Amino acid sequence: MNVDKQENTVYWQKVIGSESLKIDLKELKSAAYDVFMEESDNYKQKLVYNLLETVRSKDQNRFFYILLKAINKPKENFKELWGKLKENYDVMPEEAFVNFAYAIIIGIMSTYNKGGE
């Protein structure tokens, strides 16, 4: 994980040959915040618990299943988070999963007591 203080970003990066894979964790956290801000704290606590269990067991498939199920609400605005998932899901190496998952979980947790009940 790298922190670029000039750009005020936090990202995971890996260089493979001449190509660089980069995931902006701060943008990911912000997108998760925006999506879940209006949800009830009880709902978010259950979601976070389930997501944390998948991170602990390193089950990426289950993590994405739970997350996609949670954002599959046609009337909600989750386009930014969906875009982040879409651009990173199929190219994310296993070692980036923990950083990726925690960015989303922290984004959700930062909305506690700010959303609707």
PDB file of N, CA and C in Angstrom:
ATOM      1  N   MET A   1       0.850  -1.165   0.000  1.00  0.00           N
ATOM      2  CA  MET A   1       0.000   0.000   0.000  1.00  0.00           C
ATOM      3  C   MET A   1       0.895   1.227   0.000  1.00  0.00           C
ATOM      4  N   ASN A   2       0.549   2.193  -0.814  1.00  0.00           N
ATOM      5  CA  ASN A   2       1.316   3.420  -0.931  1.00  0.00           C
ATOM      6  C   ASN A   2       0.454   4.611  -0.558  1.00  0.00           C
ATOM      7  N   VAL A   3       1.076   5.633  -0.005  1.00  0.00           N
ATOM      8  CA  VAL A   3       0.396   6.882   0.296  1.00  0.00           C
ATOM      9  C   VAL A   3       1.125   7.987  -0.448  1.00  0.00           C
ATOM     10  N   ASP A   4       0.399   8.715  -1.267  1.00  0.00           N
ATOM     11  CA  ASP A   4       0.964   9.830  -2.011  1.00  0.00           C
ATOM     12  C   ASP A   4       0.448  11.103  -1.362  1.00  0.00           C
ATOM     13  N   LYS A   5       1.275  11.762  -0.546  1.00  0.00           N
ATOM     14  CA  LYS A   5       0.834  12.934   0.199  1.00  0.00           C
ATOM     15  C   LYS A   5       0.596  14.132  -0.705  1.00  0.00           C
ATOM     16  N   GLN A   6       1.286  14.207  -1.829  1.00  0.00           N
ATOM     17  CA  GLN A   6       1.059  15.317  -2.742  1.00  0.00           C
ATOM     18  C   GLN A   6      -0.335  15.230  -3.363  1.00  0.00           C
ATOM     19  N   GLU A   7      -0.758  14.054  -3.754  1.00  0.00           N
ATOM     20  CA  GLU A   7      -2.066  13.876  -4.357  1.00  0.00           C
ATOM     21  C   GLU A   7      -3.147  13.585  -3.322  1.00  0.00           C
ATOM     22  N   ASN A   8      -2.764  13.356  -2.075  1.00  0.00           N
ATOM     23  CA  ASN A   8      -3.680  13.009  -0.993  1.00  0.00           C
ATOM     24  C   ASN A   8      -4.475  11.747  -1.334  1.00  0.00           C
ATOM     25  N   THR A   9      -3.789  10.734  -1.849  1.00  0.00           N
ATOM     26  CA  THR A   9      -4.428   9.469  -2.179  1.00  0.00           C
ATOM     27  C   THR A   9      -3.737   8.321  -1.475  1.00  0.00           C
ATOM     28  N   VAL A  10      -4.489   7.268  -1.286  1.00  0.00           N
ATOM     29  CA  VAL A  10      -3.959   6.031  -0.737  1.00  0.00           C
ATOM     30  C   VAL A  10      -4.308   4.953  -1.749  1.00  0.00           C
ATOM     31  N   TYR A  11      -3.315   4.210  -2.182  1.00  0.00           N
ATOM     32  CA  TYR A  11      -3.588   3.219  -3.196  1.00  0.00           C
ATOM     33  C   TYR A  11      -2.729   1.989  -3.005  1.00  0.00           C
ATOM     34  N   TRP A  12      -3.234   0.876  -3.559  1.00  0.00           N
ATOM     35  CA  TRP A  12      -2.469  -0.366  -3.624  1.00  0.00           C
ATOM     36  C   TRP A  12      -1.898  -0.423  -5.023  1.00  0.00           C
ATOM     37  N   GLN A  13      -0.634  -0.793  -5.109  1.00  0.00           N
ATOM     38  CA  GLN A  13       0.009  -0.822  -6.422  1.00  0.00           C
ATOM     39  C   GLN A  13       0.960  -1.997  -6.516  1.00  0.00           C
ATOM     40  N   LYS A  14       1.001  -2.581  -7.694  1.00  0.00           N
ATOM     41  CA  LYS A  14       1.953  -3.645  -7.974  1.00  0.00           C
ATOM     42  C   LYS A  14       2.445  -3.452  -9.396  1.00  0.00           C
ATOM     43  N   VAL A  15       3.750  -3.542  -9.571  1.00  0.00           N
ATOM     44  CA  VAL A  15       4.346  -3.407 -10.887  1.00  0.00           C
ATOM     45  C   VAL A  15       4.688  -4.802 -11.396  1.00  0.00           C
ATOM     46  N   ILE A  16       4.166  -5.121 -12.583  1.00  0.00           N
ATOM     47  CA  ILE A  16       4.443  -6.410 -13.218  1.00  0.00           C
ATOM     48  C   ILE A  16       5.067  -6.092 -14.564  1.00  0.00           C
ATOM     49  N   GLY A  17       6.368  -6.337 -14.667  1.00  0.00           N
ATOM     50  CA  GLY A  17       7.082  -5.981 -15.894  1.00  0.00           C
ATOM     51  C   GLY A  17       7.037  -4.485 -16.095  1.00  0.00           C
ATOM     52  N   SER A  18       6.486  -4.050 -17.197  1.00  0.00           N
ATOM     53  CA  SER A  18       6.373  -2.618 -17.455  1.00  0.00           C
ATOM     54  C   SER A  18       4.976  -2.080 -17.140  1.00  0.00           C
ATOM     55  N   GLU A  19       4.074  -2.953 -16.687  1.00  0.00           N
ATOM     56  CA  GLU A  19       2.715  -2.530 -16.363  1.00  0.00           C
ATOM     57  C   GLU A  19       2.543  -2.345 -14.862  1.00  0.00           C
ATOM     58  N   SER A  20       1.708  -1.387 -14.494  1.00  0.00           N
ATOM     59  CA  SER A  20       1.435  -1.100 -13.100  1.00  0.00           C
ATOM     60  C   SER A  20      -0.053  -1.277 -12.821  1.00  0.00           C
ATOM     61  N   LEU A  21      -0.375  -2.125 -11.863  1.00  0.00           N
ATOM     62  CA  LEU A  21      -1.754  -2.274 -11.404  1.00  0.00           C
ATOM     63  C   LEU A  21      -1.928  -1.355 -10.205  1.00  0.00           C
ATOM     64  N   LYS A  22      -2.976  -0.555 -10.221  1.00  0.00           N
ATOM     65  CA  LYS A  22      -3.161   0.431  -9.163  1.00  0.00           C
ATOM     66  C   LYS A  22      -4.634   0.487  -8.771  1.00  0.00           C
ATOM     67  N   ILE A  23      -4.914   0.428  -7.470  1.00  0.00           N
ATOM     68  CA  ILE A  23      -6.268   0.542  -6.950  1.00  0.00           C
ATOM     69  C   ILE A  23      -6.279   1.706  -5.970  1.00  0.00           C
ATOM     70  N   ASP A  24      -7.090   2.723  -6.250  1.00  0.00           N
ATOM     71  CA  ASP A  24      -7.189   3.894  -5.386  1.00  0.00           C
ATOM     72  C   ASP A  24      -8.119   3.555  -4.217  1.00  0.00           C
ATOM     73  N   LEU A  25      -7.548   3.289  -3.064  1.00  0.00           N
ATOM     74  CA  LEU A  25      -8.318   2.850  -1.905  1.00  0.00           C
ATOM     75  C   LEU A  25      -9.162   3.974  -1.317  1.00  0.00           C
ATOM     76  N   LYS A  26      -8.676   5.205  -1.407  1.00  0.00           N
ATOM     77  CA  LYS A  26      -9.432   6.330  -0.872  1.00  0.00           C
ATOM     78  C   LYS A  26     -10.712   6.559  -1.676  1.00  0.00           C
ATOM     79  N   GLU A  27     -10.625   6.459  -2.999  1.00  0.00           N
ATOM     80  CA  GLU A  27     -11.822   6.586  -3.838  1.00  0.00           C
ATOM     81  C   GLU A  27     -12.794   5.444  -3.583  1.00  0.00           C
ATOM     82  N   LEU A  28     -12.281   4.266  -3.375  1.00  0.00           N
ATOM     83  CA  LEU A  28     -13.114   3.102  -3.092  1.00  0.00           C
ATOM     84  C   LEU A  28     -13.872   3.285  -1.782  1.00  0.00           C
ATOM     85  N   LYS A  29     -13.162   3.754  -0.761  1.00  0.00           N
ATOM     86  CA  LYS A  29     -13.781   4.021   0.544  1.00  0.00           C
ATOM     87  C   LYS A  29     -14.876   5.080   0.407  1.00  0.00           C
ATOM     88  N   SER A  30     -14.593   6.127  -0.332  1.00  0.00           N
ATOM     89  CA  SER A  30     -15.558   7.205  -0.541  1.00  0.00           C
ATOM     90  C   SER A  30     -16.800   6.713  -1.282  1.00  0.00           C
ATOM     91  N   ALA A  31     -16.614   5.870  -2.278  1.00  0.00           N
ATOM     92  CA  ALA A  31     -17.744   5.321  -3.031  1.00  0.00           C
ATOM     93  C   ALA A  31     -18.620   4.456  -2.125  1.00  0.00           C
ATOM     94  N   ALA A  32     -17.998   3.646  -1.257  1.00  0.00           N
ATOM     95  CA  ALA A  32     -18.761   2.815  -0.325  1.00  0.00           C
ATOM     96  C   ALA A  32     -19.531   3.694   0.667  1.00  0.00           C
ATOM     97  N   TYR A  33     -18.900   4.760   1.113  1.00  0.00           N
ATOM     98  CA  TYR A  33     -19.544   5.705   2.029  1.00  0.00           C
ATOM     99  C   TYR A  33     -20.817   6.260   1.388  1.00  0.00           C
ATOM    100  N   ASP A  34     -20.695   6.726   0.154  1.00  0.00           N
ATOM    101  CA  ASP A  34     -21.828   7.330  -0.544  1.00  0.00           C
ATOM    102  C   ASP A  34     -22.980   6.354  -0.727  1.00  0.00           C
ATOM    103  N   VAL A  35     -22.673   5.107  -1.017  1.00  0.00           N
ATOM    104  CA  VAL A  35     -23.711   4.107  -1.261  1.00  0.00           C
ATOM    105  C   VAL A  35     -24.474   3.754   0.015  1.00  0.00           C
ATOM    106  N   PHE A  36     -23.766   3.610   1.119  1.00  0.00           N
ATOM    107  CA  PHE A  36     -24.390   3.072   2.326  1.00  0.00           C
ATOM    108  C   PHE A  36     -24.790   4.123   3.355  1.00  0.00           C
ATOM    109  N   MET A  37     -24.614   5.398   3.050  1.00  0.00           N
ATOM    110  CA  MET A  37     -24.891   6.443   4.033  1.00  0.00           C
ATOM    111  C   MET A  37     -26.350   6.444   4.492  1.00  0.00           C
ATOM    112  N   GLU A  38     -27.277   6.139   3.617  1.00  0.00           N
ATOM    113  CA  GLU A  38     -28.697   6.207   3.968  1.00  0.00           C
ATOM    114  C   GLU A  38     -29.252   4.919   4.568  1.00  0.00           C
ATOM    115  N   GLU A  39     -28.461   3.885   4.630  1.00  0.00           N
ATOM    116  CA  GLU A  39     -28.934   2.611   5.201  1.00  0.00           C
ATOM    117  C   GLU A  39     -28.935   2.685   6.727  1.00  0.00           C
ATOM    118  N   SER A  40     -29.728   1.844   7.354  1.00  0.00           N
ATOM    119  CA  SER A  40     -29.777   1.818   8.821  1.00  0.00           C
ATOM    120  C   SER A  40     -28.486   1.228   9.383  1.00  0.00           C
ATOM    121  N   ASP A  41     -28.144   1.657  10.582  1.00  0.00           N
ATOM    122  CA  ASP A  41     -26.929   1.143  11.224  1.00  0.00           C
ATOM    123  C   ASP A  41     -27.019  -0.356  11.473  1.00  0.00           C
ATOM    124  N   ASN A  42     -28.204  -0.869  11.814  1.00  0.00           N
ATOM    125  CA  ASN A  42     -28.357  -2.312  12.029  1.00  0.00           C
ATOM    126  C   ASN A  42     -28.029  -3.088  10.760  1.00  0.00           C
ATOM    127  N   TYR A  43     -28.547  -2.623   9.639  1.00  0.00           N
ATOM    128  CA  TYR A  43     -28.270  -3.277   8.355  1.00  0.00           C
ATOM    129  C   TYR A  43     -26.777  -3.256   8.066  1.00  0.00           C
ATOM    130  N   LYS A  44     -26.147  -2.102   8.264  1.00  0.00           N
ATOM    131  CA  LYS A  44     -24.718  -1.955   7.958  1.00  0.00           C
ATOM    132  C   LYS A  44     -23.861  -2.809   8.885  1.00  0.00           C
ATOM    133  N   GLN A  45     -24.247  -2.918  10.156  1.00  0.00           N
ATOM    134  CA  GLN A  45     -23.478  -3.738  11.085  1.00  0.00           C
ATOM    135  C   GLN A  45     -23.513  -5.204  10.680  1.00  0.00           C
ATOM    136  N   LYS A  46     -24.660  -5.699  10.265  1.00  0.00           N
ATOM    137  CA  LYS A  46     -24.765  -7.088   9.801  1.00  0.00           C
ATOM    138  C   LYS A  46     -23.949  -7.292   8.532  1.00  0.00           C
ATOM    139  N   LEU A  47     -24.030  -6.328   7.614  1.00  0.00           N
ATOM    140  CA  LEU A  47     -23.276  -6.404   6.371  1.00  0.00           C
ATOM    141  C   LEU A  47     -21.781  -6.413   6.651  1.00  0.00           C
ATOM    142  N   VAL A  48     -21.320  -5.499   7.490  1.00  0.00           N
ATOM    143  CA  VAL A  48     -19.896  -5.424   7.821  1.00  0.00           C
ATOM    144  C   VAL A  48     -19.427  -6.720   8.476  1.00  0.00           C
ATOM    145  N   TYR A  49     -20.224  -7.256   9.390  1.00  0.00           N
ATOM    146  CA  TYR A  49     -19.856  -8.523  10.044  1.00  0.00           C
ATOM    147  C   TYR A  49     -19.671  -9.617   8.995  1.00  0.00           C
ATOM    148  N   ASN A  50     -20.629  -9.736   8.068  1.00  0.00           N
ATOM    149  CA  ASN A  50     -20.534 -10.763   7.025  1.00  0.00           C
ATOM    150  C   ASN A  50     -19.329 -10.534   6.114  1.00  0.00           C
ATOM    151  N   LEU A  51     -19.072  -9.284   5.749  1.00  0.00           N
ATOM    152  CA  LEU A  51     -17.917  -8.984   4.904  1.00  0.00           C
ATOM    153  C   LEU A  51     -16.600  -9.278   5.626  1.00  0.00           C
ATOM    154  N   LEU A  52     -16.533  -8.938   6.910  1.00  0.00           N
ATOM    155  CA  LEU A  52     -15.315  -9.224   7.678  1.00  0.00           C
ATOM    156  C   LEU A  52     -15.040 -10.726   7.771  1.00  0.00           C
ATOM    157  N   GLU A  53     -16.091 -11.511   7.903  1.00  0.00           N
ATOM    158  CA  GLU A  53     -15.917 -12.970   7.938  1.00  0.00           C
ATOM    159  C   GLU A  53     -15.324 -13.483   6.633  1.00  0.00           C
ATOM    160  N   THR A  54     -15.742 -12.906   5.515  1.00  0.00           N
ATOM    161  CA  THR A  54     -15.199 -13.350   4.229  1.00  0.00           C
ATOM    162  C   THR A  54     -13.742 -12.942   4.073  1.00  0.00           C
ATOM    163  N   VAL A  55     -13.379 -11.779   4.617  1.00  0.00           N
ATOM    164  CA  VAL A  55     -11.974 -11.351   4.556  1.00  0.00           C
ATOM    165  C   VAL A  55     -11.127 -12.274   5.414  1.00  0.00           C
ATOM    166  N   ARG A  56     -11.634 -12.597   6.604  1.00  0.00           N
ATOM    167  CA  ARG A  56     -10.889 -13.478   7.505  1.00  0.00           C
ATOM    168  C   ARG A  56     -10.629 -14.841   6.857  1.00  0.00           C
ATOM    169  N   SER A  57     -11.615 -15.338   6.133  1.00  0.00           N
ATOM    170  CA  SER A  57     -11.466 -16.644   5.488  1.00  0.00           C
ATOM    171  C   SER A  57     -10.892 -16.536   4.068  1.00  0.00           C
ATOM    172  N   LYS A  58     -10.574 -15.319   3.634  1.00  0.00           N
ATOM    173  CA  LYS A  58      -9.985 -15.052   2.311  1.00  0.00           C
ATOM    174  C   LYS A  58     -10.862 -15.590   1.177  1.00  0.00           C
ATOM    175  N   ASP A  59     -12.168 -15.438   1.347  1.00  0.00           N
ATOM    176  CA  ASP A  59     -13.132 -15.920   0.361  1.00  0.00           C
ATOM    177  C   ASP A  59     -13.601 -14.748  -0.506  1.00  0.00           C
ATOM    178  N   GLN A  60     -12.845 -14.456  -1.552  1.00  0.00           N
ATOM    179  CA  GLN A  60     -13.166 -13.331  -2.427  1.00  0.00           C
ATOM    180  C   GLN A  60     -14.523 -13.503  -3.105  1.00  0.00           C
ATOM    181  N   ASN A  61     -14.819 -14.705  -3.536  1.00  0.00           N
ATOM    182  CA  ASN A  61     -16.094 -14.933  -4.218  1.00  0.00           C
ATOM    183  C   ASN A  61     -17.274 -14.597  -3.315  1.00  0.00           C
ATOM    184  N   ARG A  62     -17.221 -15.043  -2.085  1.00  0.00           N
ATOM    185  CA  ARG A  62     -18.307 -14.756  -1.134  1.00  0.00           C
ATOM    186  C   ARG A  62     -18.366 -13.269  -0.823  1.00  0.00           C
ATOM    187  N   PHE A  63     -17.218 -12.600  -0.672  1.00  0.00           N
ATOM    188  CA  PHE A  63     -17.175 -11.166  -0.412  1.00  0.00           C
ATOM    189  C   PHE A  63     -17.923 -10.409  -1.511  1.00  0.00           C
ATOM    190  N   PHE A  64     -17.587 -10.704  -2.764  1.00  0.00           N
ATOM    191  CA  PHE A  64     -18.228  -9.998  -3.866  1.00  0.00           C
ATOM    192  C   PHE A  64     -19.696 -10.372  -4.000  1.00  0.00           C
ATOM    193  N   TYR A  65     -20.041 -11.599  -3.693  1.00  0.00           N
ATOM    194  CA  TYR A  65     -21.442 -12.004  -3.720  1.00  0.00           C
ATOM    195  C   TYR A  65     -22.246 -11.174  -2.721  1.00  0.00           C
ATOM    196  N   ILE A  66     -21.763 -11.082  -1.489  1.00  0.00           N
ATOM    197  CA  ILE A  66     -22.461 -10.321  -0.442  1.00  0.00           C
ATOM    198  C   ILE A  66     -22.531  -8.842  -0.809  1.00  0.00           C
ATOM    199  N   LEU A  67     -21.430  -8.288  -1.278  1.00  0.00           N
ATOM    200  CA  LEU A  67     -21.394  -6.864  -1.620  1.00  0.00           C
ATOM    201  C   LEU A  67     -22.320  -6.546  -2.792  1.00  0.00           C
ATOM    202  N   LEU A  68     -22.259  -7.351  -3.840  1.00  0.00           N
ATOM    203  CA  LEU A  68     -23.114  -7.105  -5.003  1.00  0.00           C
ATOM    204  C   LEU A  68     -24.592  -7.275  -4.656  1.00  0.00           C
ATOM    205  N   LYS A  69     -24.897  -8.215  -3.798  1.00  0.00           N
ATOM    206  CA  LYS A  69     -26.269  -8.394  -3.345  1.00  0.00           C
ATOM    207  C   LYS A  69     -26.744  -7.151  -2.581  1.00  0.00           C
ATOM    208  N   ALA A  70     -25.844  -6.572  -1.802  1.00  0.00           N
ATOM    209  CA  ALA A  70     -26.191  -5.393  -1.007  1.00  0.00           C
ATOM    210  C   ALA A  70     -26.412  -4.152  -1.868  1.00  0.00           C
ATOM    211  N   ILE A  71     -25.706  -4.035  -2.982  1.00  0.00           N
ATOM    212  CA  ILE A  71     -25.856  -2.832  -3.806  1.00  0.00           C
ATOM    213  C   ILE A  71     -26.787  -3.046  -4.990  1.00  0.00           C
ATOM    214  N   ASN A  72     -27.427  -4.180  -5.061  1.00  0.00           N
ATOM    215  CA  ASN A  72     -28.343  -4.462  -6.159  1.00  0.00           C
ATOM    216  C   ASN A  72     -29.722  -3.864  -5.853  1.00  0.00           C
ATOM    217  N   LYS A  73     -29.755  -2.544  -5.862  1.00  0.00           N
ATOM    218  CA  LYS A  73     -30.993  -1.810  -5.592  1.00  0.00           C
ATOM    219  C   LYS A  73     -31.173  -0.818  -6.722  1.00  0.00           C
ATOM    220  N   PRO A  74     -32.078  -1.083  -7.636  1.00  0.00           N
ATOM    221  CA  PRO A  74     -32.183  -0.255  -8.837  1.00  0.00           C
ATOM    222  C   PRO A  74     -32.483   1.213  -8.584  1.00  0.00           C
ATOM    223  N   LYS A  75     -33.123   1.551  -7.480  1.00  0.00           N
ATOM    224  CA  LYS A  75     -33.468   2.944  -7.227  1.00  0.00           C
ATOM    225  C   LYS A  75     -32.385   3.698  -6.466  1.00  0.00           C
ATOM    226  N   GLU A  76     -31.350   3.024  -6.059  1.00  0.00           N
ATOM    227  CA  GLU A  76     -30.273   3.660  -5.302  1.00  0.00           C
ATOM    228  C   GLU A  76     -29.154   4.093  -6.248  1.00  0.00           C
ATOM    229  N   ASN A  77     -28.360   5.057  -5.804  1.00  0.00           N
ATOM    230  CA  ASN A  77     -27.251   5.558  -6.609  1.00  0.00           C
ATOM    231  C   ASN A  77     -25.957   4.870  -6.178  1.00  0.00           C
ATOM    232  N   PHE A  78     -25.625   3.801  -6.853  1.00  0.00           N
ATOM    233  CA  PHE A  78     -24.386   3.096  -6.519  1.00  0.00           C
ATOM    234  C   PHE A  78     -23.461   3.005  -7.724  1.00  0.00           C
ATOM    235  N   LYS A  79     -23.637   3.903  -8.690  1.00  0.00           N
ATOM    236  CA  LYS A  79     -22.867   3.838  -9.932  1.00  0.00           C
ATOM    237  C   LYS A  79     -21.373   3.996  -9.699  1.00  0.00           C
ATOM    238  N   GLU A  80     -20.972   4.877  -8.776  1.00  0.00           N
ATOM    239  CA  GLU A  80     -19.538   5.075  -8.532  1.00  0.00           C
ATOM    240  C   GLU A  80     -18.905   3.806  -7.962  1.00  0.00           C
ATOM    241  N   LEU A  81     -19.555   3.202  -6.962  1.00  0.00           N
ATOM    242  CA  LEU A  81     -19.023   1.967  -6.383  1.00  0.00           C
ATOM    243  C   LEU A  81     -19.034   0.853  -7.420  1.00  0.00           C
ATOM    244  N   TRP A  82     -20.113   0.744  -8.186  1.00  0.00           N
ATOM    245  CA  TRP A  82     -20.177  -0.277  -9.220  1.00  0.00           C
ATOM    246  C   TRP A  82     -19.035  -0.095 -10.214  1.00  0.00           C
ATOM    247  N   GLY A  83     -18.741   1.145 -10.580  1.00  0.00           N
ATOM    248  CA  GLY A  83     -17.633   1.419 -11.498  1.00  0.00           C
ATOM    249  C   GLY A  83     -16.301   0.970 -10.928  1.00  0.00           C
ATOM    250  N   LYS A  84     -16.079   1.225  -9.643  1.00  0.00           N
ATOM    251  CA  LYS A  84     -14.829   0.801  -8.991  1.00  0.00           C
ATOM    252  C   LYS A  84     -14.724  -0.719  -8.970  1.00  0.00           C
ATOM    253  N   LEU A  85     -15.826  -1.381  -8.671  1.00  0.00           N
ATOM    254  CA  LEU A  85     -15.812  -2.843  -8.655  1.00  0.00           C
ATOM    255  C   LEU A  85     -15.548  -3.395 -10.046  1.00  0.00           C
ATOM    256  N   LYS A  86     -16.221  -2.815 -11.020  1.00  0.00           N
ATOM    257  CA  LYS A  86     -16.096  -3.294 -12.396  1.00  0.00           C
ATOM    258  C   LYS A  86     -14.673  -3.146 -12.926  1.00  0.00           C
ATOM    259  N   GLU A  87     -14.013  -2.048 -12.599  1.00  0.00           N
ATOM    260  CA  GLU A  87     -12.658  -1.832 -13.127  1.00  0.00           C
ATOM    261  C   GLU A  87     -11.590  -2.630 -12.389  1.00  0.00           C
ATOM    262  N   ASN A  88     -11.893  -3.118 -11.192  1.00  0.00           N
ATOM    263  CA  ASN A  88     -10.872  -3.812 -10.403  1.00  0.00           C
ATOM    264  C   ASN A  88     -11.114  -5.296 -10.203  1.00  0.00           C
ATOM    265  N   TYR A  89     -12.350  -5.756 -10.311  1.00  0.00           N
ATOM    266  CA  TYR A  89     -12.671  -7.126  -9.933  1.00  0.00           C
ATOM    267  C   TYR A  89     -11.867  -8.170 -10.685  1.00  0.00           C
ATOM    268  N   ASP A  90     -11.836  -8.095 -11.984  1.00  0.00           N
ATOM    269  CA  ASP A  90     -11.213  -9.170 -12.753  1.00  0.00           C
ATOM    270  C   ASP A  90      -9.695  -9.060 -12.881  1.00  0.00           C
ATOM    271  N   VAL A  91      -9.114  -7.947 -12.475  1.00  0.00           N
ATOM    272  CA  VAL A  91      -7.657  -7.809 -12.568  1.00  0.00           C
ATOM    273  C   VAL A  91      -6.983  -7.757 -11.207  1.00  0.00           C
ATOM    274  N   MET A  92      -7.756  -7.900 -10.140  1.00  0.00           N
ATOM    275  CA  MET A  92      -7.191  -7.748  -8.806  1.00  0.00           C
ATOM    276  C   MET A  92      -6.471  -9.017  -8.359  1.00  0.00           C
ATOM    277  N   PRO A  93      -5.174  -8.912  -8.112  1.00  0.00           N
ATOM    278  CA  PRO A  93      -4.442 -10.070  -7.575  1.00  0.00           C
ATOM    279  C   PRO A  93      -4.921 -10.393  -6.164  1.00  0.00           C
ATOM    280  N   GLU A  94      -4.742 -11.613  -5.779  1.00  0.00           N
ATOM    281  CA  GLU A  94      -5.191 -12.059  -4.464  1.00  0.00           C
ATOM    282  C   GLU A  94      -4.616 -11.220  -3.327  1.00  0.00           C
ATOM    283  N   GLU A  95      -3.364 -10.777  -3.473  1.00  0.00           N
ATOM    284  CA  GLU A  95      -2.745 -10.017  -2.383  1.00  0.00           C
ATOM    285  C   GLU A  95      -3.344  -8.628  -2.201  1.00  0.00           C
ATOM    286  N   ALA A  96      -4.072  -8.120  -3.180  1.00  0.00           N
ATOM    287  CA  ALA A  96      -4.727  -6.818  -3.058  1.00  0.00           C
ATOM    288  C   ALA A  96      -6.098  -6.927  -2.405  1.00  0.00           C
ATOM    289  N   PHE A  97      -6.619  -8.134  -2.309  1.00  0.00           N
ATOM    290  CA  PHE A  97      -7.977  -8.336  -1.816  1.00  0.00           C
ATOM    291  C   PHE A  97      -8.196  -7.745  -0.433  1.00  0.00           C
ATOM    292  N   VAL A  98      -7.293  -7.965   0.489  1.00  0.00           N
ATOM    293  CA  VAL A  98      -7.480  -7.481   1.861  1.00  0.00           C
ATOM    294  C   VAL A  98      -7.565  -5.960   1.889  1.00  0.00           C
ATOM    295  N   ASN A  99      -6.654  -5.274   1.199  1.00  0.00           N
ATOM    296  CA  ASN A  99      -6.708  -3.807   1.158  1.00  0.00           C
ATOM    297  C   ASN A  99      -7.995  -3.329   0.499  1.00  0.00           C
ATOM    298  N   PHE A 100      -8.363  -3.951  -0.593  1.00  0.00           N
ATOM    299  CA  PHE A 100      -9.582  -3.623  -1.325  1.00  0.00           C
ATOM    300  C   PHE A 100     -10.800  -3.792  -0.415  1.00  0.00           C
ATOM    301  N   ALA A 101     -10.892  -4.939   0.231  1.00  0.00           N
ATOM    302  CA  ALA A 101     -12.038  -5.247   1.087  1.00  0.00           C
ATOM    303  C   ALA A 101     -12.111  -4.308   2.289  1.00  0.00           C
ATOM    304  N   TYR A 102     -10.980  -4.057   2.934  1.00  0.00           N
ATOM    305  CA  TYR A 102     -10.997  -3.166   4.098  1.00  0.00           C
ATOM    306  C   TYR A 102     -11.356  -1.737   3.718  1.00  0.00           C
ATOM    307  N   ALA A 103     -10.978  -1.276   2.539  1.00  0.00           N
ATOM    308  CA  ALA A 103     -11.361   0.069   2.091  1.00  0.00           C
ATOM    309  C   ALA A 103     -12.883   0.164   2.001  1.00  0.00           C
ATOM    310  N   ILE A 104     -13.508  -0.866   1.455  1.00  0.00           N
ATOM    311  CA  ILE A 104     -14.972  -0.879   1.360  1.00  0.00           C
ATOM    312  C   ILE A 104     -15.603  -0.954   2.746  1.00  0.00           C
ATOM    313  N   ILE A 105     -15.096  -1.836   3.591  1.00  0.00           N
ATOM    314  CA  ILE A 105     -15.654  -2.009   4.941  1.00  0.00           C
ATOM    315  C   ILE A 105     -15.506  -0.730   5.754  1.00  0.00           C
ATOM    316  N   ILE A 106     -14.366  -0.080   5.689  1.00  0.00           N
ATOM    317  CA  ILE A 106     -14.164   1.174   6.432  1.00  0.00           C
ATOM    318  C   ILE A 106     -15.091   2.264   5.898  1.00  0.00           C
ATOM    319  N   GLY A 107     -15.291   2.281   4.581  1.00  0.00           N
ATOM    320  CA  GLY A 107     -16.236   3.232   4.006  1.00  0.00           C
ATOM    321  C   GLY A 107     -17.637   3.034   4.553  1.00  0.00           C
ATOM    322  N   ILE A 108     -18.057   1.788   4.682  1.00  0.00           N
ATOM    323  CA  ILE A 108     -19.375   1.486   5.239  1.00  0.00           C
ATOM    324  C   ILE A 108     -19.425   1.880   6.710  1.00  0.00           C
ATOM    325  N   MET A 109     -18.403   1.503   7.466  1.00  0.00           N
ATOM    326  CA  MET A 109     -18.386   1.778   8.903  1.00  0.00           C
ATOM    327  C   MET A 109     -18.344   3.278   9.204  1.00  0.00           C
ATOM    328  N   SER A 110     -17.756   4.068   8.320  1.00  0.00           N
ATOM    329  CA  SER A 110     -17.672   5.508   8.569  1.00  0.00           C
ATOM    330  C   SER A 110     -19.039   6.189   8.447  1.00  0.00           C
ATOM    331  N   THR A 111     -20.049   5.456   8.002  1.00  0.00           N
ATOM    332  CA  THR A 111     -21.405   6.025   7.894  1.00  0.00           C
ATOM    333  C   THR A 111     -22.247   5.754   9.120  1.00  0.00           C
ATOM    334  N   TYR A 112     -21.747   4.983  10.071  1.00  0.00           N
ATOM    335  CA  TYR A 112     -22.560   4.683  11.257  1.00  0.00           C
ATOM    336  C   TYR A 112     -23.061   5.965  11.896  1.00  0.00           C
ATOM    337  N   ASN A 113     -24.319   5.956  12.315  1.00  0.00           N
ATOM    338  CA  ASN A 113     -25.000   7.079  12.948  1.00  0.00           C
ATOM    339  C   ASN A 113     -25.158   8.287  12.045  1.00  0.00           C
ATOM    340  N   LYS A 114     -24.945   8.111  10.738  1.00  0.00           N
ATOM    341  CA  LYS A 114     -25.140   9.209   9.806  1.00  0.00           C
ATOM    342  C   LYS A 114     -26.285   8.926   8.851  1.00  0.00           C
ATOM    343  N   GLY A 115     -26.645   7.653   8.732  1.00  0.00           N
ATOM    344  CA  GLY A 115     -27.681   7.265   7.780  1.00  0.00           C
ATOM    345  C   GLY A 115     -29.046   7.269   8.422  1.00  0.00           C
ATOM    346  N   GLY A 116     -30.035   6.863   7.659  1.00  0.00           N
ATOM    347  CA  GLY A 116     -31.412   6.809   8.167  1.00  0.00           C
ATOM    348  C   GLY A 116     -31.626   5.596   9.035  1.00  0.00           C
ATOM    349  N   GLU A 117     -32.559   5.674   9.937  1.00  0.00           N
ATOM    350  CA  GLU A 117     -32.880   4.566  10.820  1.00  0.00           C
ATOM    351  C   GLU A 117     -34.210   3.963  10.442  1.00  0.00           C
TER     352      GLU A 117
END
